[in-house]
Protein backbone atom coordinates (compact mmCIF):
# COMPACT_ATOMS: atom_id res chain seq x y z
CA UNK A 1 0.00 0.00 0.00
CA UNK A 2 3.06 2.23 0.03
CA UNK A 3 2.14 3.94 -3.30
CA UNK A 4 -1.30 4.89 -1.95
CA UNK A 5 0.21 6.26 1.27
CA UNK A 6 2.81 8.23 -0.67
CA UNK A 7 0.02 9.64 -2.84
CA UNK A 8 -1.81 10.74 0.33
CA UNK A 9 1.30 12.52 1.64
CA UNK A 10 1.91 14.11 -1.75
CA UNK A 11 -1.68 15.36 -2.01
CA UNK A 12 -1.40 17.00 1.42
CA UNK A 13 1.98 18.55 0.55
CA UNK A 14 0.63 19.78 -2.80
CA UNK A 15 -2.05 21.74 -0.92
CA UNK A 16 0.67 23.29 1.25
CA UNK A 17 2.73 24.25 -1.79
CA UNK A 18 -0.34 25.86 -3.35
CA UNK A 19 -1.04 27.70 -0.09
CA UNK A 20 2.56 28.81 0.44
CA UNK A 21 2.61 28.07 4.16
CA UNK A 22 2.19 25.09 6.46
CA UNK A 23 0.91 24.21 9.89
CA UNK A 24 2.47 20.77 10.39
CA UNK A 25 -0.31 19.47 12.63
CA UNK A 26 -3.29 20.87 10.71
CA UNK A 27 -1.90 20.27 7.22
CA UNK A 28 -0.10 16.93 7.60
CA UNK A 29 0.04 15.27 11.01
CA UNK A 30 -3.71 15.35 11.72
CA UNK A 31 -5.13 14.32 8.33
CA UNK A 32 -2.46 11.82 7.24
CA UNK A 33 -3.00 9.03 9.80
CA UNK A 34 -6.76 9.26 9.34
CA UNK A 35 -6.36 9.02 5.57
CA UNK A 36 -4.10 5.98 5.94
CA UNK A 37 -6.45 4.22 8.35
CA UNK A 38 -9.40 4.98 6.07
CA UNK A 39 -7.46 3.55 3.14
CA UNK A 40 -6.52 0.38 5.05
CA UNK A 41 -10.12 -0.19 6.14
CA UNK A 42 -11.55 0.62 2.73
CA UNK A 43 -13.59 3.59 3.92
CA UNK A 44 -14.83 5.46 0.84
CA UNK A 45 -12.76 8.55 0.07
CA UNK A 46 -15.88 10.71 0.13
CA UNK A 47 -16.08 10.03 3.91
CA UNK A 48 -12.46 10.84 4.76
CA UNK A 49 -13.18 14.53 5.33
CA UNK A 50 -15.77 13.61 7.98
CA UNK A 51 -13.27 11.43 9.85
CA UNK A 52 -10.50 14.03 9.62
CA UNK A 53 -12.37 17.20 10.46
CA UNK A 54 -15.84 16.44 11.78
CA UNK A 55 -15.90 13.14 13.63
CA UNK A 56 -13.51 14.50 16.28
CA UNK A 57 -12.43 11.04 17.27
CA UNK A 58 -13.04 10.72 21.01
CA UNK A 59 -9.40 10.43 22.08
CA UNK A 60 -10.25 12.61 25.06
CA UNK A 61 -11.66 9.47 26.68
CA UNK A 62 -8.15 8.30 27.56
CA UNK A 63 -6.98 11.70 28.81
CA UNK A 64 -6.43 11.50 32.59
CA UNK A 65 -7.88 14.99 33.16
CA UNK A 66 -11.47 15.06 34.48
CA UNK A 67 -14.15 15.93 31.93
CA UNK A 68 -17.04 18.31 32.34
CA UNK A 69 -20.59 17.07 31.86
CA UNK A 70 -20.70 18.89 28.52
CA UNK A 71 -17.48 17.18 27.35
CA UNK A 72 -18.87 13.76 28.32
CA UNK A 73 -22.10 14.48 26.45
CA UNK A 74 -20.18 15.62 23.35
CA UNK A 75 -17.97 12.53 23.42
CA UNK A 76 -20.99 10.27 23.90
CA UNK A 77 -22.58 11.92 20.86
CA UNK A 78 -19.41 11.34 18.81
CA UNK A 79 -19.29 7.69 19.87
CA UNK A 80 -22.94 7.24 18.84
CA UNK A 81 -22.18 8.87 15.47
CA UNK A 82 -19.15 6.62 14.97
CA UNK A 83 -21.13 3.53 15.94
CA UNK A 84 -23.85 4.46 13.43
CA UNK A 85 -21.27 5.11 10.72
CA UNK A 86 -19.65 1.73 11.28
CA UNK A 87 -23.00 -0.09 11.38
CA UNK A 88 -23.70 1.37 7.92
CA UNK A 89 -20.10 0.62 6.88
CA UNK A 90 -20.57 -3.05 7.77
CA UNK A 91 -23.62 -3.22 5.49
CA UNK A 92 -21.72 -1.40 2.74
CA UNK A 93 -18.81 -3.88 2.97
CA UNK A 94 -21.19 -6.84 2.83
CA UNK A 95 -22.76 -5.49 -0.34
CA UNK A 96 -19.48 -4.22 -1.83
CA UNK A 97 -16.55 -6.36 -0.65
CA UNK A 98 -13.12 -5.12 -1.65
CA UNK A 99 -9.51 -6.09 -0.92
CA UNK A 100 -9.11 -4.25 2.38
CA UNK A 101 -9.04 -4.85 6.11
CA UNK A 102 -12.60 -3.59 6.60
CA UNK A 103 -13.96 -6.26 4.27
CA UNK A 104 -11.87 -8.96 5.95
CA UNK A 105 -13.13 -7.91 9.38
CA UNK A 106 -16.77 -7.91 8.22
CA UNK A 107 -16.29 -11.35 6.65
CA UNK A 108 -14.84 -12.65 9.93
CA UNK A 109 -17.91 -11.25 11.69
CA UNK A 110 -20.22 -12.91 9.16
CA UNK A 111 -18.57 -16.29 9.67
CA UNK A 112 -20.08 -16.49 13.13
CA UNK A 113 -20.66 -14.64 16.37
CA UNK A 114 -18.17 -16.93 18.10
CA UNK A 115 -15.35 -15.30 16.13
CA UNK A 116 -16.26 -11.63 16.39
CA UNK A 117 -19.38 -9.94 17.76
CA UNK A 118 -20.87 -6.85 16.12
CA UNK A 119 -19.87 -4.76 19.14
CA UNK A 120 -16.31 -6.10 18.94
CA UNK A 121 -16.20 -5.39 15.23
CA UNK A 122 -17.33 -1.78 15.68
CA UNK A 123 -14.99 -1.34 18.66
CA UNK A 124 -12.11 -2.70 16.58
CA UNK A 125 -12.75 -0.15 13.83
CA UNK A 126 -12.84 2.63 16.42
CA UNK A 127 -9.72 1.30 18.17
CA UNK A 128 -7.76 1.42 14.90
CA UNK A 129 -8.52 5.12 14.67
CA UNK A 130 -7.86 5.77 18.35
CA UNK A 131 -4.57 3.89 18.43
CA UNK A 132 -3.32 5.01 15.04
CA UNK A 133 -4.37 8.63 14.88
CA UNK A 134 -3.04 10.38 17.98
CA UNK A 135 0.17 8.36 18.13
CA UNK A 136 1.06 9.08 14.50
CA UNK A 137 0.02 12.72 14.73
CA UNK A 138 2.20 13.13 17.82
CA UNK A 139 5.11 11.30 16.18
CA UNK A 140 5.06 13.63 13.19
CA UNK A 141 4.68 16.79 15.25
CA UNK A 142 7.11 15.90 18.02
CA UNK A 143 9.57 14.32 15.58
CA UNK A 144 9.72 17.43 13.46
CA UNK A 145 10.03 19.56 16.59
CA UNK A 146 12.93 17.42 17.82
CA UNK A 147 14.72 17.68 14.48
CA UNK A 148 14.20 21.42 14.23
CA UNK A 149 15.53 21.85 17.76
CA UNK A 150 18.55 19.69 16.90
CA UNK A 151 19.57 20.98 13.48
CA UNK A 152 22.83 19.03 13.50
CA UNK A 153 20.80 15.79 13.61
CA UNK A 154 18.54 16.98 10.81
CA UNK A 155 21.61 17.85 8.75
CA UNK A 156 23.05 14.34 9.29
CA UNK A 157 19.83 12.83 7.95
CA UNK A 158 19.85 15.17 4.96
CA UNK A 159 23.45 14.21 4.20
CA UNK A 160 22.86 10.48 4.67
CA UNK A 161 19.24 9.40 3.97
CA UNK A 162 20.12 5.85 5.06
CA UNK A 163 19.84 7.21 8.63
CA UNK A 164 16.10 7.91 8.25
CA UNK A 165 15.00 4.47 9.45
CA UNK A 166 17.07 4.73 12.65
CA UNK A 167 15.94 8.31 13.16
CA UNK A 168 12.30 7.23 13.00
CA UNK A 169 12.94 4.51 15.57
CA UNK A 170 14.64 7.03 17.86
CA UNK A 171 11.83 9.56 17.41
CA UNK A 172 9.27 6.89 18.26
C-alpha atoms as a PDB file:
ATOM      1  CA  UNK A   1       0.000   0.000   0.000  1.00  0.00           C
ATOM      2  CA  UNK A   2       3.065   2.226   0.030  1.00  0.00           C
ATOM      3  CA  UNK A   3       2.144   3.944  -3.297  1.00  0.00           C
ATOM      4  CA  UNK A   4      -1.299   4.889  -1.948  1.00  0.00           C
ATOM      5  CA  UNK A   5       0.212   6.265   1.268  1.00  0.00           C
ATOM      6  CA  UNK A   6       2.811   8.229  -0.675  1.00  0.00           C
ATOM      7  CA  UNK A   7       0.023   9.635  -2.838  1.00  0.00           C
ATOM      8  CA  UNK A   8      -1.810  10.742   0.330  1.00  0.00           C
ATOM      9  CA  UNK A   9       1.304  12.517   1.638  1.00  0.00           C
ATOM     10  CA  UNK A  10       1.911  14.114  -1.745  1.00  0.00           C
ATOM     11  CA  UNK A  11      -1.683  15.359  -2.007  1.00  0.00           C
ATOM     12  CA  UNK A  12      -1.395  16.998   1.423  1.00  0.00           C
ATOM     13  CA  UNK A  13       1.977  18.549   0.550  1.00  0.00           C
ATOM     14  CA  UNK A  14       0.634  19.784  -2.798  1.00  0.00           C
ATOM     15  CA  UNK A  15      -2.046  21.738  -0.917  1.00  0.00           C
ATOM     16  CA  UNK A  16       0.666  23.294   1.252  1.00  0.00           C
ATOM     17  CA  UNK A  17       2.733  24.251  -1.788  1.00  0.00           C
ATOM     18  CA  UNK A  18      -0.340  25.862  -3.353  1.00  0.00           C
ATOM     19  CA  UNK A  19      -1.042  27.705  -0.091  1.00  0.00           C
ATOM     20  CA  UNK A  20       2.560  28.805   0.442  1.00  0.00           C
ATOM     21  CA  UNK A  21       2.615  28.065   4.163  1.00  0.00           C
ATOM     22  CA  UNK A  22       2.187  25.091   6.461  1.00  0.00           C
ATOM     23  CA  UNK A  23       0.907  24.213   9.894  1.00  0.00           C
ATOM     24  CA  UNK A  24       2.474  20.775  10.391  1.00  0.00           C
ATOM     25  CA  UNK A  25      -0.315  19.469  12.625  1.00  0.00           C
ATOM     26  CA  UNK A  26      -3.286  20.866  10.708  1.00  0.00           C
ATOM     27  CA  UNK A  27      -1.904  20.265   7.224  1.00  0.00           C
ATOM     28  CA  UNK A  28      -0.102  16.934   7.598  1.00  0.00           C
ATOM     29  CA  UNK A  29       0.039  15.272  11.014  1.00  0.00           C
ATOM     30  CA  UNK A  30      -3.709  15.348  11.720  1.00  0.00           C
ATOM     31  CA  UNK A  31      -5.132  14.316   8.334  1.00  0.00           C
ATOM     32  CA  UNK A  32      -2.461  11.820   7.241  1.00  0.00           C
ATOM     33  CA  UNK A  33      -3.000   9.033   9.796  1.00  0.00           C
ATOM     34  CA  UNK A  34      -6.762   9.256   9.339  1.00  0.00           C
ATOM     35  CA  UNK A  35      -6.363   9.020   5.566  1.00  0.00           C
ATOM     36  CA  UNK A  36      -4.096   5.981   5.939  1.00  0.00           C
ATOM     37  CA  UNK A  37      -6.455   4.220   8.355  1.00  0.00           C
ATOM     38  CA  UNK A  38      -9.399   4.976   6.069  1.00  0.00           C
ATOM     39  CA  UNK A  39      -7.458   3.553   3.142  1.00  0.00           C
ATOM     40  CA  UNK A  40      -6.517   0.384   5.051  1.00  0.00           C
ATOM     41  CA  UNK A  41     -10.118  -0.194   6.141  1.00  0.00           C
ATOM     42  CA  UNK A  42     -11.552   0.618   2.728  1.00  0.00           C
ATOM     43  CA  UNK A  43     -13.593   3.590   3.918  1.00  0.00           C
ATOM     44  CA  UNK A  44     -14.826   5.464   0.843  1.00  0.00           C
ATOM     45  CA  UNK A  45     -12.755   8.545   0.067  1.00  0.00           C
ATOM     46  CA  UNK A  46     -15.884  10.708   0.129  1.00  0.00           C
ATOM     47  CA  UNK A  47     -16.082  10.033   3.913  1.00  0.00           C
ATOM     48  CA  UNK A  48     -12.458  10.839   4.759  1.00  0.00           C
ATOM     49  CA  UNK A  49     -13.175  14.526   5.333  1.00  0.00           C
ATOM     50  CA  UNK A  50     -15.766  13.605   7.981  1.00  0.00           C
ATOM     51  CA  UNK A  51     -13.268  11.431   9.850  1.00  0.00           C
ATOM     52  CA  UNK A  52     -10.497  14.027   9.621  1.00  0.00           C
ATOM     53  CA  UNK A  53     -12.371  17.203  10.459  1.00  0.00           C
ATOM     54  CA  UNK A  54     -15.838  16.443  11.778  1.00  0.00           C
ATOM     55  CA  UNK A  55     -15.901  13.140  13.634  1.00  0.00           C
ATOM     56  CA  UNK A  56     -13.512  14.501  16.281  1.00  0.00           C
ATOM     57  CA  UNK A  57     -12.425  11.038  17.272  1.00  0.00           C
ATOM     58  CA  UNK A  58     -13.042  10.719  21.012  1.00  0.00           C
ATOM     59  CA  UNK A  59      -9.402  10.427  22.075  1.00  0.00           C
ATOM     60  CA  UNK A  60     -10.249  12.615  25.056  1.00  0.00           C
ATOM     61  CA  UNK A  61     -11.656   9.466  26.680  1.00  0.00           C
ATOM     62  CA  UNK A  62      -8.149   8.297  27.559  1.00  0.00           C
ATOM     63  CA  UNK A  63      -6.984  11.699  28.813  1.00  0.00           C
ATOM     64  CA  UNK A  64      -6.426  11.503  32.593  1.00  0.00           C
ATOM     65  CA  UNK A  65      -7.881  14.986  33.159  1.00  0.00           C
ATOM     66  CA  UNK A  66     -11.475  15.059  34.481  1.00  0.00           C
ATOM     67  CA  UNK A  67     -14.154  15.933  31.935  1.00  0.00           C
ATOM     68  CA  UNK A  68     -17.036  18.308  32.336  1.00  0.00           C
ATOM     69  CA  UNK A  69     -20.588  17.068  31.856  1.00  0.00           C
ATOM     70  CA  UNK A  70     -20.696  18.892  28.516  1.00  0.00           C
ATOM     71  CA  UNK A  71     -17.481  17.178  27.348  1.00  0.00           C
ATOM     72  CA  UNK A  72     -18.873  13.757  28.321  1.00  0.00           C
ATOM     73  CA  UNK A  73     -22.095  14.476  26.448  1.00  0.00           C
ATOM     74  CA  UNK A  74     -20.175  15.616  23.349  1.00  0.00           C
ATOM     75  CA  UNK A  75     -17.968  12.527  23.421  1.00  0.00           C
ATOM     76  CA  UNK A  76     -20.986  10.273  23.903  1.00  0.00           C
ATOM     77  CA  UNK A  77     -22.584  11.923  20.855  1.00  0.00           C
ATOM     78  CA  UNK A  78     -19.412  11.338  18.807  1.00  0.00           C
ATOM     79  CA  UNK A  79     -19.291   7.689  19.867  1.00  0.00           C
ATOM     80  CA  UNK A  80     -22.937   7.240  18.839  1.00  0.00           C
ATOM     81  CA  UNK A  81     -22.178   8.867  15.465  1.00  0.00           C
ATOM     82  CA  UNK A  82     -19.146   6.621  14.968  1.00  0.00           C
ATOM     83  CA  UNK A  83     -21.132   3.532  15.935  1.00  0.00           C
ATOM     84  CA  UNK A  84     -23.852   4.462  13.427  1.00  0.00           C
ATOM     85  CA  UNK A  85     -21.269   5.112  10.725  1.00  0.00           C
ATOM     86  CA  UNK A  86     -19.649   1.725  11.285  1.00  0.00           C
ATOM     87  CA  UNK A  87     -23.003  -0.089  11.379  1.00  0.00           C
ATOM     88  CA  UNK A  88     -23.700   1.367   7.920  1.00  0.00           C
ATOM     89  CA  UNK A  89     -20.103   0.625   6.879  1.00  0.00           C
ATOM     90  CA  UNK A  90     -20.570  -3.051   7.766  1.00  0.00           C
ATOM     91  CA  UNK A  91     -23.617  -3.218   5.489  1.00  0.00           C
ATOM     92  CA  UNK A  92     -21.718  -1.400   2.742  1.00  0.00           C
ATOM     93  CA  UNK A  93     -18.811  -3.877   2.968  1.00  0.00           C
ATOM     94  CA  UNK A  94     -21.190  -6.837   2.834  1.00  0.00           C
ATOM     95  CA  UNK A  95     -22.756  -5.495  -0.344  1.00  0.00           C
ATOM     96  CA  UNK A  96     -19.476  -4.219  -1.833  1.00  0.00           C
ATOM     97  CA  UNK A  97     -16.550  -6.357  -0.653  1.00  0.00           C
ATOM     98  CA  UNK A  98     -13.118  -5.119  -1.651  1.00  0.00           C
ATOM     99  CA  UNK A  99      -9.513  -6.092  -0.924  1.00  0.00           C
ATOM    100  CA  UNK A 100      -9.113  -4.249   2.378  1.00  0.00           C
ATOM    101  CA  UNK A 101      -9.039  -4.853   6.109  1.00  0.00           C
ATOM    102  CA  UNK A 102     -12.601  -3.590   6.597  1.00  0.00           C
ATOM    103  CA  UNK A 103     -13.956  -6.260   4.272  1.00  0.00           C
ATOM    104  CA  UNK A 104     -11.868  -8.961   5.952  1.00  0.00           C
ATOM    105  CA  UNK A 105     -13.128  -7.910   9.379  1.00  0.00           C
ATOM    106  CA  UNK A 106     -16.767  -7.905   8.218  1.00  0.00           C
ATOM    107  CA  UNK A 107     -16.289 -11.347   6.645  1.00  0.00           C
ATOM    108  CA  UNK A 108     -14.845 -12.646   9.935  1.00  0.00           C
ATOM    109  CA  UNK A 109     -17.910 -11.254  11.692  1.00  0.00           C
ATOM    110  CA  UNK A 110     -20.225 -12.906   9.156  1.00  0.00           C
ATOM    111  CA  UNK A 111     -18.570 -16.294   9.669  1.00  0.00           C
ATOM    112  CA  UNK A 112     -20.075 -16.490  13.133  1.00  0.00           C
ATOM    113  CA  UNK A 113     -20.657 -14.637  16.368  1.00  0.00           C
ATOM    114  CA  UNK A 114     -18.174 -16.935  18.101  1.00  0.00           C
ATOM    115  CA  UNK A 115     -15.346 -15.302  16.125  1.00  0.00           C
ATOM    116  CA  UNK A 116     -16.257 -11.635  16.389  1.00  0.00           C
ATOM    117  CA  UNK A 117     -19.383  -9.939  17.759  1.00  0.00           C
ATOM    118  CA  UNK A 118     -20.873  -6.849  16.118  1.00  0.00           C
ATOM    119  CA  UNK A 119     -19.871  -4.755  19.140  1.00  0.00           C
ATOM    120  CA  UNK A 120     -16.312  -6.100  18.939  1.00  0.00           C
ATOM    121  CA  UNK A 121     -16.203  -5.387  15.231  1.00  0.00           C
ATOM    122  CA  UNK A 122     -17.329  -1.777  15.680  1.00  0.00           C
ATOM    123  CA  UNK A 123     -14.988  -1.338  18.656  1.00  0.00           C
ATOM    124  CA  UNK A 124     -12.113  -2.701  16.579  1.00  0.00           C
ATOM    125  CA  UNK A 125     -12.754  -0.150  13.829  1.00  0.00           C
ATOM    126  CA  UNK A 126     -12.839   2.631  16.421  1.00  0.00           C
ATOM    127  CA  UNK A 127      -9.724   1.295  18.166  1.00  0.00           C
ATOM    128  CA  UNK A 128      -7.764   1.415  14.903  1.00  0.00           C
ATOM    129  CA  UNK A 129      -8.519   5.125  14.673  1.00  0.00           C
ATOM    130  CA  UNK A 130      -7.862   5.769  18.346  1.00  0.00           C
ATOM    131  CA  UNK A 131      -4.571   3.894  18.428  1.00  0.00           C
ATOM    132  CA  UNK A 132      -3.319   5.014  15.039  1.00  0.00           C
ATOM    133  CA  UNK A 133      -4.370   8.633  14.876  1.00  0.00           C
ATOM    134  CA  UNK A 134      -3.038  10.382  17.975  1.00  0.00           C
ATOM    135  CA  UNK A 135       0.170   8.364  18.126  1.00  0.00           C
ATOM    136  CA  UNK A 136       1.056   9.080  14.501  1.00  0.00           C
ATOM    137  CA  UNK A 137       0.023  12.719  14.726  1.00  0.00           C
ATOM    138  CA  UNK A 138       2.202  13.131  17.819  1.00  0.00           C
ATOM    139  CA  UNK A 139       5.107  11.301  16.180  1.00  0.00           C
ATOM    140  CA  UNK A 140       5.059  13.632  13.190  1.00  0.00           C
ATOM    141  CA  UNK A 141       4.677  16.794  15.253  1.00  0.00           C
ATOM    142  CA  UNK A 142       7.110  15.898  18.020  1.00  0.00           C
ATOM    143  CA  UNK A 143       9.566  14.316  15.584  1.00  0.00           C
ATOM    144  CA  UNK A 144       9.723  17.426  13.461  1.00  0.00           C
ATOM    145  CA  UNK A 145      10.028  19.561  16.591  1.00  0.00           C
ATOM    146  CA  UNK A 146      12.932  17.417  17.817  1.00  0.00           C
ATOM    147  CA  UNK A 147      14.716  17.676  14.476  1.00  0.00           C
ATOM    148  CA  UNK A 148      14.199  21.425  14.225  1.00  0.00           C
ATOM    149  CA  UNK A 149      15.529  21.850  17.760  1.00  0.00           C
ATOM    150  CA  UNK A 150      18.549  19.694  16.900  1.00  0.00           C
ATOM    151  CA  UNK A 151      19.566  20.982  13.481  1.00  0.00           C
ATOM    152  CA  UNK A 152      22.830  19.026  13.505  1.00  0.00           C
ATOM    153  CA  UNK A 153      20.803  15.787  13.606  1.00  0.00           C
ATOM    154  CA  UNK A 154      18.539  16.978  10.814  1.00  0.00           C
ATOM    155  CA  UNK A 155      21.611  17.846   8.748  1.00  0.00           C
ATOM    156  CA  UNK A 156      23.047  14.341   9.290  1.00  0.00           C
ATOM    157  CA  UNK A 157      19.829  12.832   7.947  1.00  0.00           C
ATOM    158  CA  UNK A 158      19.847  15.170   4.960  1.00  0.00           C
ATOM    159  CA  UNK A 159      23.452  14.214   4.195  1.00  0.00           C
ATOM    160  CA  UNK A 160      22.857  10.483   4.668  1.00  0.00           C
ATOM    161  CA  UNK A 161      19.243   9.399   3.967  1.00  0.00           C
ATOM    162  CA  UNK A 162      20.120   5.850   5.064  1.00  0.00           C
ATOM    163  CA  UNK A 163      19.836   7.214   8.633  1.00  0.00           C
ATOM    164  CA  UNK A 164      16.105   7.907   8.245  1.00  0.00           C
ATOM    165  CA  UNK A 165      15.003   4.466   9.449  1.00  0.00           C
ATOM    166  CA  UNK A 166      17.068   4.725  12.648  1.00  0.00           C
ATOM    167  CA  UNK A 167      15.943   8.310  13.162  1.00  0.00           C
ATOM    168  CA  UNK A 168      12.301   7.230  13.002  1.00  0.00           C
ATOM    169  CA  UNK A 169      12.940   4.515  15.572  1.00  0.00           C
ATOM    170  CA  UNK A 170      14.635   7.030  17.862  1.00  0.00           C
ATOM    171  CA  UNK A 171      11.832   9.562  17.408  1.00  0.00           C
ATOM    172  CA  UNK A 172       9.266   6.892  18.262  1.00  0.00           C
END
